[in-house]
Amino acid sequence: MLEITEYLAGVPLFLAYFSIALALSGLYILIYTTITPHNELQLIKDNKPAAAIAFAGSLIGFVIPLASVIENSVDIADMAIWGAIALIVQLSTFFGLRLFMPKISDRIDNDEIASGIWLGAISIAAGLLNAACLTY
């Protein structure tokens, strides 16, 4: 019985980390969908694959470094701070890509699949690099 109690002692900390991760992910979604010129959620509701691919890649690109932060953080405050930094870096990816492809949002609005794949892939690649850099 003692062994079960010892295992369950970590549940509150798990819930705290998971809750903060969900909050940061929700914040990321809110900010990302606000700052992009195209309306991802409406495009996805309208069954536009380019938007779904780009948005999914962006979210995965954020969650990868967030998972790295959780794994490497020393406490909840550390996780929240570095999670916010990962969020900023990932949001910056969209703006960086727009320097090279200024009409990427128009292309996604027009459901150009290649543009959605490209934005999604760049987002995931940036997330992987972001995660590697967050292993302090």
N, C-alpha and C. Protein backbone atom coordinates (compact mmCIF):
# COMPACT_ATOMS: atom_id res chain seq x y z
N MET A 1 0.81 -1.19 0.00
CA MET A 1 0.00 0.00 0.00
C MET A 1 0.86 1.27 0.00
N LEU A 2 2.00 1.21 0.68
CA LEU A 2 2.90 2.35 0.74
C LEU A 2 3.42 2.71 -0.65
N GLU A 3 3.69 1.68 -1.46
CA GLU A 3 4.18 1.92 -2.81
C GLU A 3 3.16 2.69 -3.64
N ILE A 4 1.89 2.34 -3.52
CA ILE A 4 0.84 3.04 -4.27
C ILE A 4 0.75 4.48 -3.80
N THR A 5 0.84 4.70 -2.51
CA THR A 5 0.79 6.06 -1.96
C THR A 5 1.96 6.89 -2.48
N GLU A 6 3.14 6.29 -2.57
CA GLU A 6 4.31 7.00 -3.09
C GLU A 6 4.11 7.38 -4.55
N TYR A 7 3.54 6.48 -5.33
CA TYR A 7 3.28 6.77 -6.74
C TYR A 7 2.26 7.90 -6.88
N LEU A 8 1.23 7.84 -6.07
CA LEU A 8 0.17 8.85 -6.16
C LEU A 8 0.60 10.22 -5.64
N ALA A 9 1.70 10.27 -4.91
CA ALA A 9 2.19 11.54 -4.38
C ALA A 9 2.57 12.50 -5.51
N GLY A 10 2.88 11.97 -6.67
CA GLY A 10 3.27 12.81 -7.81
C GLY A 10 2.09 13.33 -8.61
N VAL A 11 0.89 12.88 -8.33
CA VAL A 11 -0.28 13.28 -9.11
C VAL A 11 -0.52 14.80 -9.06
N PRO A 12 -0.46 15.45 -7.90
CA PRO A 12 -0.69 16.90 -7.89
C PRO A 12 0.31 17.68 -8.76
N LEU A 13 1.56 17.26 -8.73
CA LEU A 13 2.56 17.93 -9.55
C LEU A 13 2.30 17.67 -11.03
N PHE A 14 1.93 16.43 -11.38
CA PHE A 14 1.55 16.12 -12.76
C PHE A 14 0.41 17.02 -13.20
N LEU A 15 -0.62 17.12 -12.38
CA LEU A 15 -1.78 17.95 -12.73
C LEU A 15 -1.40 19.42 -12.89
N ALA A 16 -0.49 19.90 -12.06
CA ALA A 16 -0.05 21.29 -12.17
C ALA A 16 0.68 21.53 -13.49
N TYR A 17 1.64 20.66 -13.81
CA TYR A 17 2.38 20.79 -15.07
C TYR A 17 1.43 20.66 -16.27
N PHE A 18 0.54 19.68 -16.21
CA PHE A 18 -0.39 19.46 -17.32
C PHE A 18 -1.33 20.65 -17.49
N SER A 19 -1.81 21.20 -16.39
CA SER A 19 -2.71 22.35 -16.45
C SER A 19 -2.02 23.57 -17.05
N ILE A 20 -0.79 23.81 -16.65
CA ILE A 20 -0.05 24.94 -17.20
C ILE A 20 0.24 24.71 -18.67
N ALA A 21 0.57 23.48 -19.04
CA ALA A 21 0.82 23.17 -20.45
C ALA A 21 -0.45 23.39 -21.28
N LEU A 22 -1.60 22.98 -20.77
CA LEU A 22 -2.86 23.22 -21.48
C LEU A 22 -3.15 24.72 -21.58
N ALA A 23 -2.90 25.45 -20.51
CA ALA A 23 -3.13 26.90 -20.54
C ALA A 23 -2.21 27.58 -21.56
N LEU A 24 -0.93 27.20 -21.57
CA LEU A 24 0.00 27.77 -22.54
C LEU A 24 -0.40 27.40 -23.97
N SER A 25 -0.86 26.17 -24.17
CA SER A 25 -1.30 25.74 -25.50
C SER A 25 -2.54 26.53 -25.93
N GLY A 26 -3.47 26.72 -25.01
CA GLY A 26 -4.65 27.53 -25.31
C GLY A 26 -4.28 28.97 -25.63
N LEU A 27 -3.33 29.52 -24.87
CA LEU A 27 -2.86 30.88 -25.12
C LEU A 27 -2.20 30.96 -26.49
N TYR A 28 -1.40 29.95 -26.82
CA TYR A 28 -0.76 29.91 -28.13
C TYR A 28 -1.81 29.93 -29.24
N ILE A 29 -2.82 29.08 -29.11
CA ILE A 29 -3.88 29.01 -30.13
C ILE A 29 -4.58 30.35 -30.24
N LEU A 30 -4.90 30.96 -29.12
CA LEU A 30 -5.59 32.25 -29.12
C LEU A 30 -4.75 33.32 -29.82
N ILE A 31 -3.49 33.42 -29.45
CA ILE A 31 -2.62 34.45 -30.04
C ILE A 31 -2.38 34.16 -31.53
N TYR A 32 -2.07 32.92 -31.85
CA TYR A 32 -1.78 32.56 -33.24
C TYR A 32 -2.96 32.86 -34.16
N THR A 33 -4.15 32.46 -33.71
CA THR A 33 -5.33 32.70 -34.56
C THR A 33 -5.71 34.17 -34.61
N THR A 34 -5.22 34.95 -33.68
CA THR A 34 -5.48 36.39 -33.69
C THR A 34 -4.49 37.13 -34.59
N ILE A 35 -3.23 36.71 -34.59
CA ILE A 35 -2.21 37.47 -35.33
C ILE A 35 -2.10 37.09 -36.80
N THR A 36 -2.59 35.92 -37.17
CA THR A 36 -2.50 35.54 -38.58
C THR A 36 -3.63 36.22 -39.36
N PRO A 37 -3.33 36.70 -40.56
CA PRO A 37 -4.37 37.38 -41.35
C PRO A 37 -5.51 36.48 -41.79
N HIS A 38 -5.25 35.20 -41.94
CA HIS A 38 -6.31 34.28 -42.34
C HIS A 38 -6.99 33.70 -41.10
N ASN A 39 -8.23 33.33 -41.23
CA ASN A 39 -9.02 32.82 -40.11
C ASN A 39 -8.97 31.29 -40.13
N GLU A 40 -7.97 30.73 -39.42
CA GLU A 40 -7.74 29.29 -39.43
C GLU A 40 -8.99 28.50 -39.06
N LEU A 41 -9.61 28.88 -37.96
CA LEU A 41 -10.72 28.08 -37.47
C LEU A 41 -11.90 28.07 -38.44
N GLN A 42 -12.18 29.21 -39.06
CA GLN A 42 -13.26 29.24 -40.04
C GLN A 42 -12.88 28.44 -41.29
N LEU A 43 -11.64 28.58 -41.72
CA LEU A 43 -11.20 27.82 -42.88
C LEU A 43 -11.26 26.31 -42.62
N ILE A 44 -10.90 25.91 -41.41
CA ILE A 44 -10.97 24.49 -41.05
C ILE A 44 -12.44 24.05 -41.02
N LYS A 45 -13.30 24.89 -40.45
CA LYS A 45 -14.73 24.56 -40.45
C LYS A 45 -15.27 24.44 -41.87
N ASP A 46 -14.70 25.22 -42.78
CA ASP A 46 -15.10 25.18 -44.19
C ASP A 46 -14.40 24.06 -44.96
N ASN A 47 -13.71 23.18 -44.23
CA ASN A 47 -13.05 22.01 -44.81
C ASN A 47 -11.93 22.39 -45.79
N LYS A 48 -11.09 23.33 -45.40
CA LYS A 48 -9.96 23.77 -46.22
C LYS A 48 -8.69 23.09 -45.69
N PRO A 49 -8.20 22.07 -46.38
CA PRO A 49 -7.03 21.32 -45.90
C PRO A 49 -5.78 22.18 -45.69
N ALA A 50 -5.55 23.17 -46.52
CA ALA A 50 -4.34 23.99 -46.37
C ALA A 50 -4.28 24.63 -44.99
N ALA A 51 -5.41 25.15 -44.54
CA ALA A 51 -5.46 25.79 -43.22
C ALA A 51 -5.25 24.76 -42.11
N ALA A 52 -5.87 23.60 -42.25
CA ALA A 52 -5.74 22.56 -41.23
C ALA A 52 -4.30 22.08 -41.12
N ILE A 53 -3.66 21.89 -42.26
CA ILE A 53 -2.26 21.43 -42.27
C ILE A 53 -1.35 22.47 -41.64
N ALA A 54 -1.51 23.72 -42.03
CA ALA A 54 -0.66 24.80 -41.50
C ALA A 54 -0.87 24.97 -40.00
N PHE A 55 -2.14 24.97 -39.58
CA PHE A 55 -2.45 25.18 -38.17
C PHE A 55 -1.97 24.00 -37.32
N ALA A 56 -2.18 22.79 -37.80
CA ALA A 56 -1.72 21.60 -37.07
C ALA A 56 -0.20 21.62 -36.93
N GLY A 57 0.50 21.97 -38.01
CA GLY A 57 1.96 22.05 -37.94
C GLY A 57 2.42 23.10 -36.95
N SER A 58 1.73 24.22 -36.94
CA SER A 58 2.08 25.28 -36.01
C SER A 58 1.88 24.84 -34.56
N LEU A 59 0.75 24.20 -34.29
CA LEU A 59 0.49 23.74 -32.93
C LEU A 59 1.47 22.66 -32.51
N ILE A 60 1.75 21.71 -33.39
CA ILE A 60 2.74 20.67 -33.09
C ILE A 60 4.11 21.33 -32.87
N GLY A 61 4.42 22.32 -33.71
CA GLY A 61 5.69 23.04 -33.57
C GLY A 61 5.82 23.76 -32.24
N PHE A 62 4.72 24.12 -31.62
CA PHE A 62 4.77 24.72 -30.29
C PHE A 62 4.83 23.66 -29.19
N VAL A 63 4.07 22.60 -29.34
CA VAL A 63 3.98 21.59 -28.29
C VAL A 63 5.30 20.81 -28.15
N ILE A 64 6.05 20.64 -29.22
CA ILE A 64 7.33 19.94 -29.13
C ILE A 64 8.29 20.65 -28.16
N PRO A 65 8.54 21.96 -28.33
CA PRO A 65 9.42 22.61 -27.35
C PRO A 65 8.78 22.70 -25.96
N LEU A 66 7.45 22.80 -25.90
CA LEU A 66 6.80 22.82 -24.59
C LEU A 66 7.07 21.51 -23.85
N ALA A 67 7.02 20.39 -24.56
CA ALA A 67 7.32 19.10 -23.94
C ALA A 67 8.77 19.07 -23.46
N SER A 68 9.67 19.65 -24.24
CA SER A 68 11.08 19.72 -23.84
C SER A 68 11.24 20.55 -22.58
N VAL A 69 10.52 21.66 -22.51
CA VAL A 69 10.56 22.53 -21.33
C VAL A 69 10.07 21.77 -20.10
N ILE A 70 8.98 21.05 -20.25
CA ILE A 70 8.44 20.29 -19.12
C ILE A 70 9.47 19.26 -18.64
N GLU A 71 10.08 18.58 -19.58
CA GLU A 71 11.05 17.55 -19.23
C GLU A 71 12.29 18.12 -18.54
N ASN A 72 12.69 19.33 -18.92
CA ASN A 72 13.94 19.89 -18.41
C ASN A 72 13.77 20.94 -17.32
N SER A 73 12.55 21.30 -16.98
CA SER A 73 12.37 22.36 -15.98
C SER A 73 12.65 21.84 -14.57
N VAL A 74 13.07 22.76 -13.72
CA VAL A 74 13.38 22.40 -12.34
C VAL A 74 12.17 22.57 -11.42
N ASP A 75 11.22 23.41 -11.83
CA ASP A 75 9.99 23.58 -11.06
C ASP A 75 8.93 24.21 -11.97
N ILE A 76 7.77 24.44 -11.41
CA ILE A 76 6.65 24.93 -12.20
C ILE A 76 6.91 26.34 -12.74
N ALA A 77 7.51 27.20 -11.94
CA ALA A 77 7.81 28.56 -12.40
C ALA A 77 8.78 28.53 -13.58
N ASP A 78 9.80 27.69 -13.49
CA ASP A 78 10.77 27.52 -14.57
C ASP A 78 10.07 27.05 -15.84
N MET A 79 9.16 26.10 -15.68
CA MET A 79 8.41 25.58 -16.82
C MET A 79 7.55 26.66 -17.45
N ALA A 80 6.89 27.45 -16.64
CA ALA A 80 6.01 28.50 -17.17
C ALA A 80 6.80 29.57 -17.90
N ILE A 81 7.93 29.97 -17.36
CA ILE A 81 8.76 31.01 -17.99
C ILE A 81 9.31 30.53 -19.32
N TRP A 82 9.92 29.34 -19.33
CA TRP A 82 10.50 28.83 -20.57
C TRP A 82 9.43 28.42 -21.57
N GLY A 83 8.28 28.02 -21.06
CA GLY A 83 7.14 27.74 -21.95
C GLY A 83 6.69 29.00 -22.67
N ALA A 84 6.68 30.12 -21.95
CA ALA A 84 6.32 31.41 -22.57
C ALA A 84 7.36 31.82 -23.61
N ILE A 85 8.63 31.54 -23.33
CA ILE A 85 9.68 31.84 -24.30
C ILE A 85 9.49 30.97 -25.55
N ALA A 86 9.19 29.70 -25.36
CA ALA A 86 8.93 28.82 -26.51
C ALA A 86 7.75 29.34 -27.32
N LEU A 87 6.74 29.84 -26.64
CA LEU A 87 5.56 30.41 -27.31
C LEU A 87 5.96 31.59 -28.20
N ILE A 88 6.76 32.48 -27.66
CA ILE A 88 7.19 33.67 -28.41
C ILE A 88 8.02 33.26 -29.63
N VAL A 89 8.93 32.33 -29.43
CA VAL A 89 9.77 31.88 -30.55
C VAL A 89 8.90 31.26 -31.64
N GLN A 90 7.94 30.43 -31.24
CA GLN A 90 7.11 29.76 -32.24
C GLN A 90 6.22 30.75 -32.98
N LEU A 91 5.68 31.74 -32.27
CA LEU A 91 4.87 32.76 -32.95
C LEU A 91 5.72 33.56 -33.94
N SER A 92 6.97 33.77 -33.58
CA SER A 92 7.88 34.51 -34.46
C SER A 92 8.15 33.76 -35.76
N THR A 93 8.00 32.46 -35.74
CA THR A 93 8.23 31.65 -36.94
C THR A 93 7.31 32.08 -38.07
N PHE A 94 6.05 32.33 -37.75
CA PHE A 94 5.10 32.74 -38.78
C PHE A 94 5.55 34.05 -39.42
N PHE A 95 5.96 35.01 -38.60
CA PHE A 95 6.38 36.30 -39.14
C PHE A 95 7.67 36.18 -39.93
N GLY A 96 8.57 35.30 -39.48
CA GLY A 96 9.80 35.07 -40.23
C GLY A 96 9.53 34.49 -41.61
N LEU A 97 8.61 33.54 -41.67
CA LEU A 97 8.26 32.94 -42.96
C LEU A 97 7.61 33.96 -43.88
N ARG A 98 6.83 34.86 -43.31
CA ARG A 98 6.16 35.88 -44.14
C ARG A 98 7.16 36.84 -44.78
N LEU A 99 8.36 36.96 -44.24
CA LEU A 99 9.37 37.79 -44.89
C LEU A 99 9.75 37.21 -46.25
N PHE A 100 9.75 35.87 -46.34
CA PHE A 100 10.13 35.20 -47.58
C PHE A 100 8.93 34.89 -48.46
N MET A 101 7.77 34.75 -47.84
CA MET A 101 6.54 34.46 -48.59
C MET A 101 5.43 35.38 -48.06
N PRO A 102 5.46 36.63 -48.49
CA PRO A 102 4.51 37.59 -47.92
C PRO A 102 3.04 37.25 -48.18
N LYS A 103 2.76 36.45 -49.18
CA LYS A 103 1.37 36.13 -49.51
C LYS A 103 0.94 34.75 -49.00
N ILE A 104 1.66 34.21 -48.01
CA ILE A 104 1.35 32.87 -47.52
C ILE A 104 -0.07 32.79 -46.97
N SER A 105 -0.54 33.83 -46.30
CA SER A 105 -1.91 33.82 -45.76
C SER A 105 -2.94 33.82 -46.87
N ASP A 106 -2.69 34.60 -47.92
CA ASP A 106 -3.61 34.60 -49.06
C ASP A 106 -3.67 33.22 -49.70
N ARG A 107 -2.53 32.58 -49.79
CA ARG A 107 -2.47 31.25 -50.40
C ARG A 107 -3.22 30.22 -49.56
N ILE A 108 -3.09 30.34 -48.25
CA ILE A 108 -3.82 29.43 -47.36
C ILE A 108 -5.32 29.73 -47.46
N ASP A 109 -5.67 31.00 -47.50
CA ASP A 109 -7.08 31.39 -47.71
C ASP A 109 -7.65 30.77 -48.98
N ASN A 110 -6.81 30.67 -50.01
CA ASN A 110 -7.22 30.10 -51.30
C ASN A 110 -7.09 28.58 -51.32
N ASP A 111 -6.79 28.00 -50.19
CA ASP A 111 -6.66 26.55 -50.01
C ASP A 111 -5.58 25.94 -50.90
N GLU A 112 -4.47 26.65 -51.04
CA GLU A 112 -3.33 26.11 -51.77
C GLU A 112 -2.58 25.16 -50.83
N ILE A 113 -2.73 23.89 -51.06
CA ILE A 113 -2.21 22.85 -50.17
C ILE A 113 -0.70 22.97 -49.96
N ALA A 114 0.03 23.27 -51.02
CA ALA A 114 1.49 23.38 -50.89
C ALA A 114 1.88 24.44 -49.87
N SER A 115 1.17 25.54 -49.83
CA SER A 115 1.47 26.59 -48.86
C SER A 115 1.17 26.14 -47.44
N GLY A 116 0.08 25.39 -47.28
CA GLY A 116 -0.24 24.86 -45.96
C GLY A 116 0.81 23.87 -45.48
N ILE A 117 1.24 23.01 -46.38
CA ILE A 117 2.29 22.04 -46.03
C ILE A 117 3.59 22.76 -45.70
N TRP A 118 3.93 23.75 -46.49
CA TRP A 118 5.17 24.49 -46.26
C TRP A 118 5.15 25.19 -44.91
N LEU A 119 4.05 25.90 -44.59
CA LEU A 119 3.95 26.59 -43.30
C LEU A 119 3.97 25.58 -42.16
N GLY A 120 3.25 24.48 -42.30
CA GLY A 120 3.24 23.45 -41.27
C GLY A 120 4.63 22.85 -41.05
N ALA A 121 5.32 22.56 -42.15
CA ALA A 121 6.66 21.96 -42.05
C ALA A 121 7.66 22.93 -41.42
N ILE A 122 7.62 24.18 -41.83
CA ILE A 122 8.52 25.19 -41.25
C ILE A 122 8.24 25.33 -39.75
N SER A 123 6.96 25.31 -39.38
CA SER A 123 6.59 25.43 -37.96
C SER A 123 7.12 24.25 -37.15
N ILE A 124 7.00 23.05 -37.68
CA ILE A 124 7.50 21.88 -36.97
C ILE A 124 9.03 21.91 -36.89
N ALA A 125 9.69 22.28 -37.99
CA ALA A 125 11.15 22.38 -37.99
C ALA A 125 11.62 23.40 -36.96
N ALA A 126 10.96 24.55 -36.92
CA ALA A 126 11.32 25.58 -35.93
C ALA A 126 11.08 25.06 -34.52
N GLY A 127 9.99 24.31 -34.33
CA GLY A 127 9.70 23.74 -33.03
C GLY A 127 10.76 22.75 -32.57
N LEU A 128 11.25 21.94 -33.50
CA LEU A 128 12.31 20.99 -33.16
C LEU A 128 13.59 21.71 -32.76
N LEU A 129 13.95 22.74 -33.52
CA LEU A 129 15.14 23.52 -33.16
C LEU A 129 14.93 24.24 -31.83
N ASN A 130 13.76 24.80 -31.65
CA ASN A 130 13.40 25.46 -30.40
C ASN A 130 13.55 24.48 -29.23
N ALA A 131 13.03 23.28 -29.39
CA ALA A 131 13.11 22.27 -28.34
C ALA A 131 14.56 21.90 -28.02
N ALA A 132 15.37 21.75 -29.05
CA ALA A 132 16.78 21.40 -28.84
C ALA A 132 17.51 22.50 -28.08
N CYS A 133 17.18 23.74 -28.38
CA CYS A 133 17.83 24.86 -27.71
C CYS A 133 17.35 25.04 -26.28
N LEU A 134 16.21 24.46 -25.94
CA LEU A 134 15.65 24.60 -24.60
C LEU A 134 16.10 23.47 -23.67
N THR A 135 17.04 22.66 -24.10
CA THR A 135 17.55 21.59 -23.24
C THR A 135 18.79 22.09 -22.52
N TYR A 136 18.59 23.00 -21.64
CA TYR A 136 19.68 23.69 -20.92
C TYR A 136 20.28 22.86 -19.84
